[in-house]
């Protein structure tokens, strides 16, 4: 099945994401974690100014696109690396991208920080990995420029012009899970994504079908343990499908986002994911760690109207997960 022949994710050309206005739209961010804020400042103040760089005048040429791809992957220092073509559907509305290729990098988050979610330690780990990923995409961009090829850095917490999830799916990172994030066949869902865009001709990777979508159809761990009850029972058949041909699972962002903005950036859905019997949920020593605890606190009222920057449609709000149904009794 051809990925590009389908009306795939990203086809709607969403507006570029702006964190500050997004927080204002959902009622403000009430999270204050000094260590997480320090990582954020380091990204904005130190990394963003280093996104651009000088391109060497002498251009190195490769014998084949495969040789170029092998060089790029050897130069990347991330846990996951994949290459795909950039298509119009991957670019945010109002933005333009001249590059033909995206090198997608994924950096894993350490599961031991997610054994309780939401939590301050999980929030800090998220921002730490965003910073680490920033260093990785900057280093790869500098390496490509050093051999005479122009490129641009697309950091997920910078002012990105592209949608990272569609690119990562095409680059073979895994499949889209019930919770709306990518699940990698080996590493599970606990990773972050950034990209480097370039016209250096490279061999591209293929999307994967590892049975993750079929697993998500049977498993409802994230559905059951989502604190704001934002994850659905069934797929949303609106004509848009993933690269395996399945309709999407669509998270009710009107429930998810206000909770996320108040409860340490949540991440419960990622931590409780049961893919591959949680073989990816190990500590630094490789030993399995326990299923996370999810403290259910006060859930903010859901948003259901269009605000200035985002739309929050009501998606199957009459449904309730098993956990929430038991709480109502």
Protein backbone atom coordinates (compact mmCIF):
# COMPACT_ATOMS: atom_id res chain seq x y z
CA UNK A 1 0.00 0.00 0.00
CA UNK A 2 1.44 3.36 -1.00
CA UNK A 3 1.68 5.93 1.75
CA UNK A 4 1.33 8.95 -0.52
CA UNK A 5 -1.74 7.64 -2.33
CA UNK A 6 -3.86 7.94 0.80
CA UNK A 7 -5.44 11.06 2.37
CA UNK A 8 -2.96 10.81 5.19
CA UNK A 9 -2.38 12.62 8.46
CA UNK A 10 -1.38 16.25 8.02
CA UNK A 11 -3.52 16.73 4.91
CA UNK A 12 -5.53 19.51 6.60
CA UNK A 13 -2.51 21.89 6.72
CA UNK A 14 -2.83 23.01 10.31
CA UNK A 15 -1.56 26.40 11.44
CA UNK A 16 1.92 26.53 12.99
CA UNK A 17 1.90 25.76 16.67
CA UNK A 18 2.52 28.59 19.11
CA UNK A 19 2.97 27.42 22.69
CA UNK A 20 2.34 30.76 24.35
CA UNK A 21 -0.96 31.50 22.61
CA UNK A 22 -1.97 27.86 23.08
CA UNK A 23 -1.53 28.14 26.86
CA UNK A 24 -3.56 31.34 26.86
CA UNK A 25 -6.32 29.62 24.87
CA UNK A 26 -6.68 26.78 27.37
CA UNK A 27 -6.85 29.10 30.37
CA UNK A 28 -3.18 29.57 31.18
CA UNK A 29 -0.27 27.41 32.31
CA UNK A 30 -0.20 26.86 36.06
CA UNK A 31 2.93 24.68 36.08
CA UNK A 32 6.04 26.07 37.73
CA UNK A 33 8.97 23.64 37.85
CA UNK A 34 12.31 25.48 38.07
CA UNK A 35 14.37 22.68 36.48
CA UNK A 36 11.95 22.26 33.58
CA UNK A 37 11.83 26.03 33.08
CA UNK A 38 15.63 26.11 33.01
CA UNK A 39 15.71 23.55 30.19
CA UNK A 40 13.13 25.60 28.30
CA UNK A 41 15.19 28.79 28.68
CA UNK A 42 18.27 26.96 27.45
CA UNK A 43 16.40 25.87 24.33
CA UNK A 44 15.05 29.32 23.57
CA UNK A 45 18.06 31.41 24.55
CA UNK A 46 20.97 29.13 23.60
CA UNK A 47 19.78 26.64 20.98
CA UNK A 48 17.43 28.66 18.78
CA UNK A 49 20.18 31.20 17.86
CA UNK A 50 22.33 28.24 16.73
CA UNK A 51 19.77 26.80 14.32
CA UNK A 52 21.41 28.65 11.40
CA UNK A 53 24.99 28.15 10.28
CA UNK A 54 27.56 28.69 7.54
CA UNK A 55 27.59 26.30 4.57
CA UNK A 56 31.07 25.29 3.40
CA UNK A 57 31.89 26.46 -0.15
CA UNK A 58 33.22 23.05 -1.25
CA UNK A 59 30.45 20.46 -1.68
CA UNK A 60 31.05 16.79 -1.00
CA UNK A 61 29.34 14.48 -3.46
CA UNK A 62 28.21 10.92 -2.83
CA UNK A 63 28.28 8.09 -5.35
CA UNK A 64 24.68 7.08 -4.65
CA UNK A 65 21.69 8.28 -2.59
CA UNK A 66 22.22 5.22 -0.37
CA UNK A 67 25.80 6.26 0.36
CA UNK A 68 24.55 9.73 1.31
CA UNK A 69 21.86 8.25 3.58
CA UNK A 70 24.41 5.98 5.27
CA UNK A 71 26.71 8.96 5.89
CA UNK A 72 23.89 11.01 7.37
CA UNK A 73 22.75 8.20 9.66
CA UNK A 74 26.31 7.56 10.81
CA UNK A 75 26.67 11.28 11.56
CA UNK A 76 23.44 11.49 13.56
CA UNK A 77 23.72 10.89 17.30
CA UNK A 78 20.08 10.11 18.07
CA UNK A 79 18.43 6.87 19.20
CA UNK A 80 16.21 6.76 16.10
CA UNK A 81 17.03 8.13 12.63
CA UNK A 82 14.97 7.95 9.45
CA UNK A 83 14.76 9.76 6.12
CA UNK A 84 11.72 10.67 4.04
CA UNK A 85 10.60 13.06 1.34
CA UNK A 86 8.93 16.31 2.37
CA UNK A 87 5.48 16.71 0.82
CA UNK A 88 3.03 19.60 0.86
CA UNK A 89 0.89 17.82 3.44
CA UNK A 90 3.81 17.91 5.89
CA UNK A 91 4.10 21.71 5.87
CA UNK A 92 2.10 24.04 8.11
CA UNK A 93 -0.34 26.44 6.50
CA UNK A 94 1.27 29.72 5.52
CA UNK A 95 4.76 28.25 5.53
CA UNK A 96 6.96 27.22 2.61
CA UNK A 97 9.72 24.62 2.56
CA UNK A 98 12.19 24.32 -0.32
CA UNK A 99 13.91 21.16 0.92
CA UNK A 100 12.99 17.83 -0.63
CA UNK A 101 14.16 15.58 2.21
CA UNK A 102 13.68 15.37 5.97
CA UNK A 103 16.11 13.60 8.27
CA UNK A 104 13.99 12.75 11.31
CA UNK A 105 15.67 12.21 14.68
CA UNK A 106 14.13 10.64 17.77
CA UNK A 107 15.52 10.84 21.31
CA UNK A 108 14.24 8.48 23.99
CA UNK A 109 12.99 9.59 27.38
CA UNK A 110 14.04 7.55 30.42
CA UNK A 111 11.15 5.44 31.67
CA UNK A 112 12.25 5.57 35.31
CA UNK A 113 11.07 9.19 35.39
CA UNK A 114 7.56 8.15 34.32
CA UNK A 115 6.72 5.56 36.97
CA UNK A 116 4.43 8.22 38.41
CA UNK A 117 2.51 10.45 36.00
CA UNK A 118 1.68 13.29 35.95
CA UNK A 119 4.72 14.29 38.00
CA UNK A 120 7.39 16.95 38.16
CA UNK A 121 10.13 14.42 37.37
CA UNK A 122 8.32 13.36 34.19
CA UNK A 123 7.94 17.00 33.14
CA UNK A 124 11.64 17.66 33.72
CA UNK A 125 12.59 14.59 31.70
CA UNK A 126 10.44 15.76 28.78
CA UNK A 127 12.19 19.13 28.68
CA UNK A 128 15.61 17.57 29.20
CA UNK A 129 15.10 15.37 26.15
CA UNK A 130 13.80 18.28 24.09
CA UNK A 131 17.09 20.03 24.90
CA UNK A 132 19.12 16.93 24.10
CA UNK A 133 17.25 16.59 20.82
CA UNK A 134 18.02 20.22 20.05
CA UNK A 135 21.74 19.54 20.41
CA UNK A 136 21.41 16.48 18.17
CA UNK A 137 19.62 18.27 15.33
CA UNK A 138 22.02 21.23 15.53
CA UNK A 139 25.04 18.90 15.44
CA UNK A 140 23.69 17.02 12.43
CA UNK A 141 22.86 20.26 10.62
CA UNK A 142 26.39 21.53 11.24
CA UNK A 143 27.86 18.29 9.90
CA UNK A 144 25.80 18.56 6.71
CA UNK A 145 26.75 22.21 6.23
CA UNK A 146 30.41 21.31 6.74
CA UNK A 147 30.29 19.15 3.60
CA UNK A 148 28.74 21.98 1.58
CA UNK A 149 25.02 21.21 1.73
CA UNK A 150 22.46 23.71 3.05
CA UNK A 151 19.90 22.57 5.58
CA UNK A 152 17.47 23.89 8.16
CA UNK A 153 16.77 22.80 11.73
CA UNK A 154 13.19 21.97 12.66
CA UNK A 155 13.05 21.65 16.45
CA UNK A 156 9.69 20.64 17.99
CA UNK A 157 9.91 23.47 20.52
CA UNK A 158 11.19 25.99 18.00
CA UNK A 159 9.19 27.78 15.32
CA UNK A 160 8.79 24.71 13.14
CA UNK A 161 7.50 24.82 9.56
CA UNK A 162 6.78 21.08 9.34
CA UNK A 163 4.68 18.53 11.18
CA UNK A 164 7.02 16.06 12.83
CA UNK A 165 4.59 13.16 13.29
CA UNK A 166 3.72 12.68 9.58
CA UNK A 167 7.42 12.93 8.72
CA UNK A 168 8.39 10.39 11.38
CA UNK A 169 5.72 7.95 10.22
CA UNK A 170 7.03 8.13 6.67
CA UNK A 171 10.60 7.74 7.95
CA UNK A 172 9.75 4.41 9.58
CA UNK A 173 9.48 5.43 13.23
CA UNK A 174 6.45 3.23 13.90
CA UNK A 175 2.69 3.58 13.91
CA UNK A 176 0.25 6.04 15.39
CA UNK A 177 -1.20 4.76 18.67
CA UNK A 178 -4.63 5.15 20.23
CA UNK A 179 -3.22 8.06 22.27
CA UNK A 180 -2.24 10.02 19.15
CA UNK A 181 1.53 9.58 19.52
CA UNK A 182 3.86 7.33 17.55
CA UNK A 183 4.72 3.95 19.04
CA UNK A 184 8.11 2.62 17.91
CA UNK A 185 8.26 -1.18 17.46
CA UNK A 186 11.26 -1.48 19.81
CA UNK A 187 11.32 1.68 21.91
CA UNK A 188 7.61 2.16 22.55
CA UNK A 189 6.13 5.68 22.74
CA UNK A 190 8.58 7.47 25.05
CA UNK A 191 10.60 9.59 22.62
CA UNK A 192 10.60 13.07 21.11
CA UNK A 193 11.06 14.05 17.47
CA UNK A 194 12.99 16.72 15.56
CA UNK A 195 14.06 17.11 11.93
CA UNK A 196 16.72 18.50 9.64
CA UNK A 197 15.55 19.49 6.15
CA UNK A 198 17.88 19.45 3.14
CA UNK A 199 18.11 18.97 -0.62
CA UNK A 200 20.97 16.49 -0.28
CA UNK A 201 19.72 13.51 -2.28
CA UNK A 202 19.37 10.46 -0.02
CA UNK A 203 17.75 7.06 -0.07
CA UNK A 204 14.51 7.20 1.90
CA UNK A 205 13.09 4.81 4.48
CA UNK A 206 9.74 3.08 4.32
CA UNK A 207 6.81 3.35 6.72
CA UNK A 208 6.39 0.28 8.92
CA UNK A 209 3.42 -1.90 9.77
CA UNK A 210 4.52 -3.81 12.86
CA UNK A 211 1.03 -4.70 14.06
CA UNK A 212 0.91 -1.75 16.46
CA UNK A 213 -2.37 -0.39 15.11
CA UNK A 214 -4.00 -3.79 15.46
CA UNK A 215 -2.64 -4.03 19.01
CA UNK A 216 -4.08 -0.61 19.89
CA UNK A 217 -7.49 -1.77 18.67
CA UNK A 218 -7.41 -4.48 21.36
CA UNK A 219 -5.57 -2.64 24.12
CA UNK A 220 -7.21 0.24 25.99
CA UNK A 221 -4.59 0.95 28.65
CA UNK A 222 -4.17 4.61 27.69
CA UNK A 223 -7.95 4.94 27.33
CA UNK A 224 -8.53 3.59 30.81
CA UNK A 225 -5.79 5.56 32.56
CA UNK A 226 -6.18 8.95 30.81
CA UNK A 227 -6.89 11.34 33.73
CA UNK A 228 -9.13 13.77 31.75
CA UNK A 229 -10.83 10.88 29.86
CA UNK A 230 -9.78 12.28 26.47
CA UNK A 231 -8.90 9.07 24.59
CA UNK A 232 -11.67 7.39 22.55
CA UNK A 233 -13.09 3.89 22.42
CA UNK A 234 -13.03 3.72 18.64
CA UNK A 235 -11.34 5.15 15.58
CA UNK A 236 -12.65 8.35 13.98
CA UNK A 237 -13.69 7.53 10.42
CA UNK A 238 -13.62 10.90 8.65
CA UNK A 239 -11.83 9.76 5.52
CA UNK A 240 -8.32 10.50 6.81
CA UNK A 241 -6.22 7.40 7.40
CA UNK A 242 -2.75 6.47 8.57
CA UNK A 243 -0.12 4.79 6.39
CA UNK A 244 -1.59 1.35 7.10
CA UNK A 245 -4.98 2.47 5.75
CA UNK A 246 -6.70 2.69 9.15
CA UNK A 247 -8.83 5.65 10.26
CA UNK A 248 -7.25 7.67 13.02
CA UNK A 249 -7.81 7.65 16.72
CA UNK A 250 -8.62 11.29 17.52
CA UNK A 251 -7.96 12.51 21.04
CA UNK A 252 -10.48 14.97 22.49
CA UNK A 253 -8.05 17.88 22.81
CA UNK A 254 -10.70 19.97 24.54
CA UNK A 255 -10.34 17.59 27.49
CA UNK A 256 -6.64 16.81 27.13
CA UNK A 257 -5.07 20.25 26.71
CA UNK A 258 -6.46 22.07 29.79
CA UNK A 259 -5.35 19.15 31.98
CA UNK A 260 -1.94 18.99 30.28
CA UNK A 261 -1.40 22.71 30.94
CA UNK A 262 -2.10 22.32 34.66
CA UNK A 263 -0.80 18.85 35.58
CA UNK A 264 2.94 18.74 34.85
CA UNK A 265 2.45 18.18 31.11
CA UNK A 266 0.74 14.86 31.99
CA UNK A 267 2.28 12.12 29.73
CA UNK A 268 0.13 9.47 31.42
CA UNK A 269 -0.95 7.97 28.09
CA UNK A 270 2.66 7.37 27.05
CA UNK A 271 3.78 5.89 30.34
CA UNK A 272 0.92 3.38 30.64
CA UNK A 273 1.20 2.18 27.02
CA UNK A 274 1.29 -1.62 27.08
CA UNK A 275 2.82 -2.20 23.63
CA UNK A 276 5.13 -5.24 23.50
CA UNK A 277 4.25 -6.11 27.10
CA UNK A 278 6.17 -2.98 28.11
CA UNK A 279 9.49 -4.54 27.06
CA UNK A 280 10.69 -0.96 26.46
CA UNK A 281 9.83 0.13 30.04
CA UNK A 282 13.21 -0.47 31.61
CA UNK A 283 15.71 1.44 33.71
CA UNK A 284 19.22 2.48 32.74
CA UNK A 285 20.43 -0.96 33.86
CA UNK A 286 18.02 -2.66 31.46
CA UNK A 287 15.88 -4.11 34.24
CA UNK A 288 12.05 -3.93 33.94
CA UNK A 289 10.34 -1.21 35.96
CA UNK A 290 6.78 -1.30 37.33
CA UNK A 291 3.60 -0.17 35.65
CA UNK A 292 3.22 3.53 36.47
CA UNK A 293 0.84 4.92 39.05
CA UNK A 294 -1.57 7.58 37.80
CA UNK A 295 -2.95 9.92 40.48
CA UNK A 296 -6.28 11.23 39.29
CA UNK A 297 -6.76 14.82 40.40
CA UNK A 298 -9.19 17.59 39.59
CA UNK A 299 -10.00 17.74 35.87
CA UNK A 300 -10.59 21.21 34.39
CA UNK A 301 -13.84 21.79 32.49
CA UNK A 302 -13.46 20.74 28.85
CA UNK A 303 -13.30 23.25 26.04
CA UNK A 304 -15.83 22.84 23.26
CA UNK A 305 -15.71 26.07 21.30
CA UNK A 306 -13.31 27.56 18.82
CA UNK A 307 -10.96 29.98 20.51
CA UNK A 308 -8.71 32.40 18.69
CA UNK A 309 -6.03 29.94 17.64
CA UNK A 310 -7.47 26.42 17.94
CA UNK A 311 -10.69 24.49 17.55
CA UNK A 312 -11.79 22.05 20.26
CA UNK A 313 -14.59 19.96 18.77
CA UNK A 314 -16.58 17.65 21.02
CA UNK A 315 -15.56 14.10 20.09
CA UNK A 316 -17.72 11.34 21.58
CA UNK A 317 -18.00 13.14 24.91
CA UNK A 318 -20.83 10.84 25.95
CA UNK A 319 -18.35 7.95 26.16
CA UNK A 320 -16.55 7.27 29.42
CA UNK A 321 -13.55 5.02 29.98
CA UNK A 322 -13.86 2.06 32.38
CA UNK A 323 -11.92 3.97 35.03
CA UNK A 324 -14.11 7.05 34.79
CA UNK A 325 -17.31 5.00 34.78
CA UNK A 326 -16.22 3.32 38.02
CA UNK A 327 -15.44 6.71 39.58
CA UNK A 328 -18.96 7.93 38.76
CA UNK A 329 -20.65 5.08 40.69
